[in-house]
C-alpha atoms as a PDB file:
ATOM      1  CA  UNK A   1     -15.631  16.685  -7.648  1.00  0.00           C
ATOM      2  CA  UNK A   2     -15.255  15.765 -11.330  1.00  0.00           C
ATOM      3  CA  UNK A   3     -11.481  16.185 -11.022  1.00  0.00           C
ATOM      4  CA  UNK A   4     -11.478  13.889  -7.994  1.00  0.00           C
ATOM      5  CA  UNK A   5     -13.369  11.168  -9.857  1.00  0.00           C
ATOM      6  CA  UNK A   6     -11.240  11.587 -12.959  1.00  0.00           C
ATOM      7  CA  UNK A   7      -8.016  11.307 -10.932  1.00  0.00           C
ATOM      8  CA  UNK A   8      -9.259   8.165  -9.180  1.00  0.00           C
ATOM      9  CA  UNK A   9     -10.361   6.577 -12.473  1.00  0.00           C
ATOM     10  CA  UNK A  10      -7.072   7.489 -14.131  1.00  0.00           C
ATOM     11  CA  UNK A  11      -5.088   5.943 -11.295  1.00  0.00           C
ATOM     12  CA  UNK A  12      -7.194   2.761 -11.325  1.00  0.00           C
ATOM     13  CA  UNK A  13      -6.641   2.564 -15.082  1.00  0.00           C
ATOM     14  CA  UNK A  14      -2.889   2.895 -14.692  1.00  0.00           C
ATOM     15  CA  UNK A  15      -2.769   0.336 -11.885  1.00  0.00           C
ATOM     16  CA  UNK A  16      -4.899  -2.239 -13.667  1.00  0.00           C
ATOM     17  CA  UNK A  17      -3.104  -1.887 -17.003  1.00  0.00           C
ATOM     18  CA  UNK A  18       0.012  -3.378 -15.515  1.00  0.00           C
ATOM     19  CA  UNK A  19      -0.170  -7.131 -15.152  1.00  0.00           C
ATOM     20  CA  UNK A  20       1.093  -7.193 -11.599  1.00  0.00           C
ATOM     21  CA  UNK A  21      -0.579  -9.084  -8.828  1.00  0.00           C
ATOM     22  CA  UNK A  22       0.065  -9.263  -5.132  1.00  0.00           C
ATOM     23  CA  UNK A  23       2.126 -12.299  -4.310  1.00  0.00           C
ATOM     24  CA  UNK A  24      -0.414 -15.027  -4.820  1.00  0.00           C
ATOM     25  CA  UNK A  25       0.244 -16.747  -1.511  1.00  0.00           C
ATOM     26  CA  UNK A  26       0.299 -13.648   0.771  1.00  0.00           C
ATOM     27  CA  UNK A  27      -3.331 -14.055   1.782  1.00  0.00           C
ATOM     28  CA  UNK A  28      -2.845 -17.697   2.732  1.00  0.00           C
ATOM     29  CA  UNK A  29       0.054 -16.955   5.097  1.00  0.00           C
ATOM     30  CA  UNK A  30      -0.137 -16.471   8.847  1.00  0.00           C
ATOM     31  CA  UNK A  31       0.192 -12.948  10.243  1.00  0.00           C
ATOM     32  CA  UNK A  32       3.037 -12.423  12.736  1.00  0.00           C
ATOM     33  CA  UNK A  33       2.996  -9.429  15.102  1.00  0.00           C
ATOM     34  CA  UNK A  34       5.932  -8.090  17.094  1.00  0.00           C
ATOM     35  CA  UNK A  35       6.023  -5.094  19.460  1.00  0.00           C
ATOM     36  CA  UNK A  36       7.746  -3.746  22.554  1.00  0.00           C
ATOM     37  CA  UNK A  37       4.637  -4.420  24.658  1.00  0.00           C
ATOM     38  CA  UNK A  38       1.394  -6.386  24.318  1.00  0.00           C
ATOM     39  CA  UNK A  39      -1.755  -6.605  26.419  1.00  0.00           C
ATOM     40  CA  UNK A  40      -4.459  -9.152  25.543  1.00  0.00           C
ATOM     41  CA  UNK A  41      -7.987  -9.113  26.952  1.00  0.00           C
ATOM     42  CA  UNK A  42      -8.907 -12.748  26.257  1.00  0.00           C
ATOM     43  CA  UNK A  43     -12.517 -12.326  27.397  1.00  0.00           C
ATOM     44  CA  UNK A  44     -13.155  -9.447  24.957  1.00  0.00           C
ATOM     45  CA  UNK A  45     -10.911 -10.810  22.153  1.00  0.00           C
ATOM     46  CA  UNK A  46      -8.918  -7.563  21.987  1.00  0.00           C
ATOM     47  CA  UNK A  47      -5.137  -7.175  21.932  1.00  0.00           C
ATOM     48  CA  UNK A  48      -3.166  -3.940  22.221  1.00  0.00           C
ATOM     49  CA  UNK A  49       0.434  -3.672  21.014  1.00  0.00           C
ATOM     50  CA  UNK A  50       2.652  -0.660  21.752  1.00  0.00           C
ATOM     51  CA  UNK A  51       6.068   0.471  20.512  1.00  0.00           C
ATOM     52  CA  UNK A  52       7.828  -0.605  17.326  1.00  0.00           C
ATOM     53  CA  UNK A  53       4.809  -2.595  16.161  1.00  0.00           C
ATOM     54  CA  UNK A  54       5.362  -4.696  13.050  1.00  0.00           C
ATOM     55  CA  UNK A  55       3.152  -7.204  11.299  1.00  0.00           C
ATOM     56  CA  UNK A  56       4.209  -9.463   8.454  1.00  0.00           C
ATOM     57  CA  UNK A  57       1.953 -11.693   6.372  1.00  0.00           C
ATOM     58  CA  UNK A  58       3.852 -13.098   3.414  1.00  0.00           C
ATOM     59  CA  UNK A  59       5.283 -10.046   1.645  1.00  0.00           C
ATOM     60  CA  UNK A  60       2.852  -7.693   3.435  1.00  0.00           C
ATOM     61  CA  UNK A  61       4.592  -5.495   6.011  1.00  0.00           C
ATOM     62  CA  UNK A  62       2.867  -2.963   8.246  1.00  0.00           C
ATOM     63  CA  UNK A  63       4.648  -0.962  10.934  1.00  0.00           C
ATOM     64  CA  UNK A  64       3.305   1.533  13.442  1.00  0.00           C
ATOM     65  CA  UNK A  65       3.645   2.950  16.941  1.00  0.00           C
ATOM     66  CA  UNK A  66       0.384   1.423  18.215  1.00  0.00           C
ATOM     67  CA  UNK A  67      -1.954  -1.431  17.213  1.00  0.00           C
ATOM     68  CA  UNK A  68      -5.340  -2.655  18.422  1.00  0.00           C
ATOM     69  CA  UNK A  69      -6.466  -6.093  17.211  1.00  0.00           C
ATOM     70  CA  UNK A  70     -10.186  -6.869  17.413  1.00  0.00           C
ATOM     71  CA  UNK A  71     -11.456 -10.469  17.133  1.00  0.00           C
ATOM     72  CA  UNK A  72      -8.042 -11.500  18.427  1.00  0.00           C
ATOM     73  CA  UNK A  73      -7.626 -15.245  18.022  1.00  0.00           C
ATOM     74  CA  UNK A  74     -10.422 -15.700  15.466  1.00  0.00           C
ATOM     75  CA  UNK A  75      -8.528 -17.130  12.521  1.00  0.00           C
ATOM     76  CA  UNK A  76      -8.508 -14.694   9.604  1.00  0.00           C
ATOM     77  CA  UNK A  77     -11.270 -12.497  11.047  1.00  0.00           C
ATOM     78  CA  UNK A  78      -9.038 -10.033  12.863  1.00  0.00           C
ATOM     79  CA  UNK A  79      -9.425  -6.298  12.325  1.00  0.00           C
ATOM     80  CA  UNK A  80      -6.143  -4.494  12.985  1.00  0.00           C
ATOM     81  CA  UNK A  81      -6.105  -0.753  13.644  1.00  0.00           C
ATOM     82  CA  UNK A  82      -2.634   0.820  13.431  1.00  0.00           C
ATOM     83  CA  UNK A  83      -1.588   4.371  14.248  1.00  0.00           C
ATOM     84  CA  UNK A  84       1.773   6.026  13.852  1.00  0.00           C
ATOM     85  CA  UNK A  85       3.779   9.063  12.894  1.00  0.00           C
ATOM     86  CA  UNK A  86       3.274   7.732  10.233  1.00  0.00           C
ATOM     87  CA  UNK A  87       2.297   4.068  10.039  1.00  0.00           C
ATOM     88  CA  UNK A  88       3.478   2.314   6.871  1.00  0.00           C
ATOM     89  CA  UNK A  89       2.324  -0.521   4.596  1.00  0.00           C
ATOM     90  CA  UNK A  90       4.143  -2.366   1.810  1.00  0.00           C
ATOM     91  CA  UNK A  91       3.572  -5.423  -0.335  1.00  0.00           C
ATOM     92  CA  UNK A  92       5.539  -7.100  -3.126  1.00  0.00           C
ATOM     93  CA  UNK A  93       3.821  -8.003  -6.399  1.00  0.00           C
ATOM     94  CA  UNK A  94       4.439 -11.198  -8.377  1.00  0.00           C
ATOM     95  CA  UNK A  95       6.702  -9.290 -10.793  1.00  0.00           C
ATOM     96  CA  UNK A  96       8.840  -7.964  -7.917  1.00  0.00           C
ATOM     97  CA  UNK A  97       7.373  -4.423  -7.976  1.00  0.00           C
ATOM     98  CA  UNK A  98       6.222  -2.931  -4.668  1.00  0.00           C
ATOM     99  CA  UNK A  99       3.225  -0.970  -3.518  1.00  0.00           C
ATOM    100  CA  UNK A 100       3.908   1.085  -0.406  1.00  0.00           C
ATOM    101  CA  UNK A 101       1.935   3.579   1.641  1.00  0.00           C
ATOM    102  CA  UNK A 102       2.155   5.863   4.643  1.00  0.00           C
ATOM    103  CA  UNK A 103      -0.690   7.241   6.759  1.00  0.00           C
ATOM    104  CA  UNK A 104      -1.360   8.263  10.338  1.00  0.00           C
ATOM    105  CA  UNK A 105      -4.025   5.530  10.617  1.00  0.00           C
ATOM    106  CA  UNK A 106      -4.163   2.144   8.842  1.00  0.00           C
ATOM    107  CA  UNK A 107      -6.961  -0.408   9.267  1.00  0.00           C
ATOM    108  CA  UNK A 108      -6.320  -3.961   8.001  1.00  0.00           C
ATOM    109  CA  UNK A 109      -9.472  -6.076   7.702  1.00  0.00           C
ATOM    110  CA  UNK A 110      -8.067  -9.563   7.167  1.00  0.00           C
ATOM    111  CA  UNK A 111     -11.390 -11.258   6.357  1.00  0.00           C
ATOM    112  CA  UNK A 112     -12.015  -8.746   3.536  1.00  0.00           C
ATOM    113  CA  UNK A 113      -8.351  -8.374   2.476  1.00  0.00           C
ATOM    114  CA  UNK A 114      -8.872  -4.634   2.741  1.00  0.00           C
ATOM    115  CA  UNK A 115      -6.437  -1.905   3.841  1.00  0.00           C
ATOM    116  CA  UNK A 116      -8.084   1.403   4.823  1.00  0.00           C
ATOM    117  CA  UNK A 117      -5.727   4.353   5.307  1.00  0.00           C
ATOM    118  CA  UNK A 118      -6.618   7.813   6.581  1.00  0.00           C
ATOM    119  CA  UNK A 119      -5.041  11.123   7.575  1.00  0.00           C
ATOM    120  CA  UNK A 120      -2.176  12.302   5.350  1.00  0.00           C
ATOM    121  CA  UNK A 121      -2.120   9.241   3.093  1.00  0.00           C
ATOM    122  CA  UNK A 122       0.459   8.716   0.361  1.00  0.00           C
ATOM    123  CA  UNK A 123       0.610   5.586  -1.811  1.00  0.00           C
ATOM    124  CA  UNK A 124       3.434   4.740  -4.207  1.00  0.00           C
ATOM    125  CA  UNK A 125       3.029   2.105  -6.923  1.00  0.00           C
ATOM    126  CA  UNK A 126       6.118   1.794  -9.069  1.00  0.00           C
ATOM    127  CA  UNK A 127       7.127   5.386  -9.836  1.00  0.00           C
ATOM    128  CA  UNK A 128       3.564   6.776  -9.599  1.00  0.00           C
ATOM    129  CA  UNK A 129       2.035   8.249  -6.448  1.00  0.00           C
ATOM    130  CA  UNK A 130      -1.389   9.175  -5.156  1.00  0.00           C
ATOM    131  CA  UNK A 131      -2.126  11.139  -2.010  1.00  0.00           C
ATOM    132  CA  UNK A 132      -5.308  12.125  -0.229  1.00  0.00           C
ATOM    133  CA  UNK A 133      -7.167  12.162   3.049  1.00  0.00           C
ATOM    134  CA  UNK A 134      -8.428   8.560   2.779  1.00  0.00           C
ATOM    135  CA  UNK A 135      -7.331   5.708   0.520  1.00  0.00           C
ATOM    136  CA  UNK A 136      -8.670   2.156   0.533  1.00  0.00           C
ATOM    137  CA  UNK A 137      -6.767  -0.712  -1.110  1.00  0.00           C
ATOM    138  CA  UNK A 138      -8.392  -4.080  -1.863  1.00  0.00           C
ATOM    139  CA  UNK A 139      -5.432  -6.466  -1.790  1.00  0.00           C
ATOM    140  CA  UNK A 140      -7.145  -9.312  -3.633  1.00  0.00           C
ATOM    141  CA  UNK A 141      -8.893  -7.274  -6.360  1.00  0.00           C
ATOM    142  CA  UNK A 142      -6.052  -4.705  -6.679  1.00  0.00           C
ATOM    143  CA  UNK A 143      -8.461  -1.781  -6.510  1.00  0.00           C
ATOM    144  CA  UNK A 144      -7.396   1.525  -5.002  1.00  0.00           C
ATOM    145  CA  UNK A 145     -10.043   4.114  -4.061  1.00  0.00           C
ATOM    146  CA  UNK A 146      -8.923   7.591  -2.968  1.00  0.00           C
ATOM    147  CA  UNK A 147     -10.848  10.504  -1.430  1.00  0.00           C
ATOM    148  CA  UNK A 148      -9.891  14.064  -0.628  1.00  0.00           C
ATOM    149  CA  UNK A 149     -11.272  16.061   2.290  1.00  0.00           C
ATOM    150  CA  UNK A 150     -13.929  18.544   1.132  1.00  0.00           C
ATOM    151  CA  UNK A 151     -13.959  20.243   4.561  1.00  0.00           C
ATOM    152  CA  UNK A 152     -10.357  21.367   3.958  1.00  0.00           C
ATOM    153  CA  UNK A 153     -10.703  21.742   0.161  1.00  0.00           C
ATOM    154  CA  UNK A 154      -8.187  18.899  -0.102  1.00  0.00           C
ATOM    155  CA  UNK A 155      -8.337  16.902  -3.312  1.00  0.00           C
ATOM    156  CA  UNK A 156      -6.753  13.643  -4.359  1.00  0.00           C
ATOM    157  CA  UNK A 157      -3.434  14.202  -6.111  1.00  0.00           C
ATOM    158  CA  UNK A 158      -2.040  11.691  -8.584  1.00  0.00           C
ATOM    159  CA  UNK A 159       1.438  11.972 -10.095  1.00  0.00           C
ATOM    160  CA  UNK A 160       2.057   9.854 -13.195  1.00  0.00           C
ATOM    161  CA  UNK A 161       5.571   9.595 -14.576  1.00  0.00           C
ATOM    162  CA  UNK A 162       6.295  10.199 -18.278  1.00  0.00           C
ATOM    163  CA  UNK A 163       7.266   7.448 -20.642  1.00  0.00           C
ATOM    164  CA  UNK A 164      10.972   6.729 -20.492  1.00  0.00           C
ATOM    165  CA  UNK A 165      12.995   8.294 -23.280  1.00  0.00           C
ATOM    166  CA  UNK A 166      14.464   5.704 -25.656  1.00  0.00           C
ATOM    167  CA  UNK A 167      18.204   5.297 -25.334  1.00  0.00           C
ATOM    168  CA  UNK A 168      20.158   6.446 -28.407  1.00  0.00           C
ATOM    169  CA  UNK A 169      21.368   3.559 -30.520  1.00  0.00           C
ATOM    170  CA  UNK A 170      25.081   3.144 -30.887  1.00  0.00           C
ATOM    171  CA  UNK A 171      26.472   3.780 -34.340  1.00  0.00           C
ATOM    172  CA  UNK A 172      27.703   0.385 -35.518  1.00  0.00           C
ATOM    173  CA  UNK A 173      29.471   1.685 -38.621  1.00  0.00           C
ATOM    174  CA  UNK A 174      33.254   1.730 -38.324  1.00  0.00           C
ATOM    175  CA  UNK A 175      34.902   5.105 -38.083  1.00  0.00           C
ATOM    176  CA  UNK A 176      37.075   6.275 -40.976  1.00  0.00           C
ATOM    177  CA  UNK A 177      40.329   5.674 -39.148  1.00  0.00           C
ATOM    178  CA  UNK A 178      39.227   2.213 -37.866  1.00  0.00           C
ATOM    179  CA  UNK A 179      40.028  -0.909 -39.868  1.00  0.00           C
ATOM    180  CA  UNK A 180      37.142  -3.033 -40.946  1.00  0.00           C
END
């Protein structure tokens, strides 16, 4: 359990040390959904989308095989539950870097700007990765929280890349047989 907490704290430290932010206007953009099929129950405010489901909201992209939207039509209050083999999420940061993730299930709570991912989750931020059974990502606060699955003895795994090796400097002195 200590290793799990340490890994999560280390990852949060790495993520927050970089001065990257989600594109500042993503959360003010409309969400557009496309799919092969849609069925909306207007009375219950539920929509179901099937086949090649894709949602875009600014630079946020989520794709899946299946999507249920609760509170359908209530501006900004929708809860979107995606499933896929796997479903995927990506977002571009202000500096052009990307955060991307894959999971069997993704829940996007628009009112809270929260992405909840479960079942075989893998998140990539720059060159670093974290994987676990459940990972939550607060889009606005840029906080990532990861959990393993104690029932399966599965822990959170974080892979941090080493510092890049400095490139050798070119020798600027003229060679003996070169004229100065």
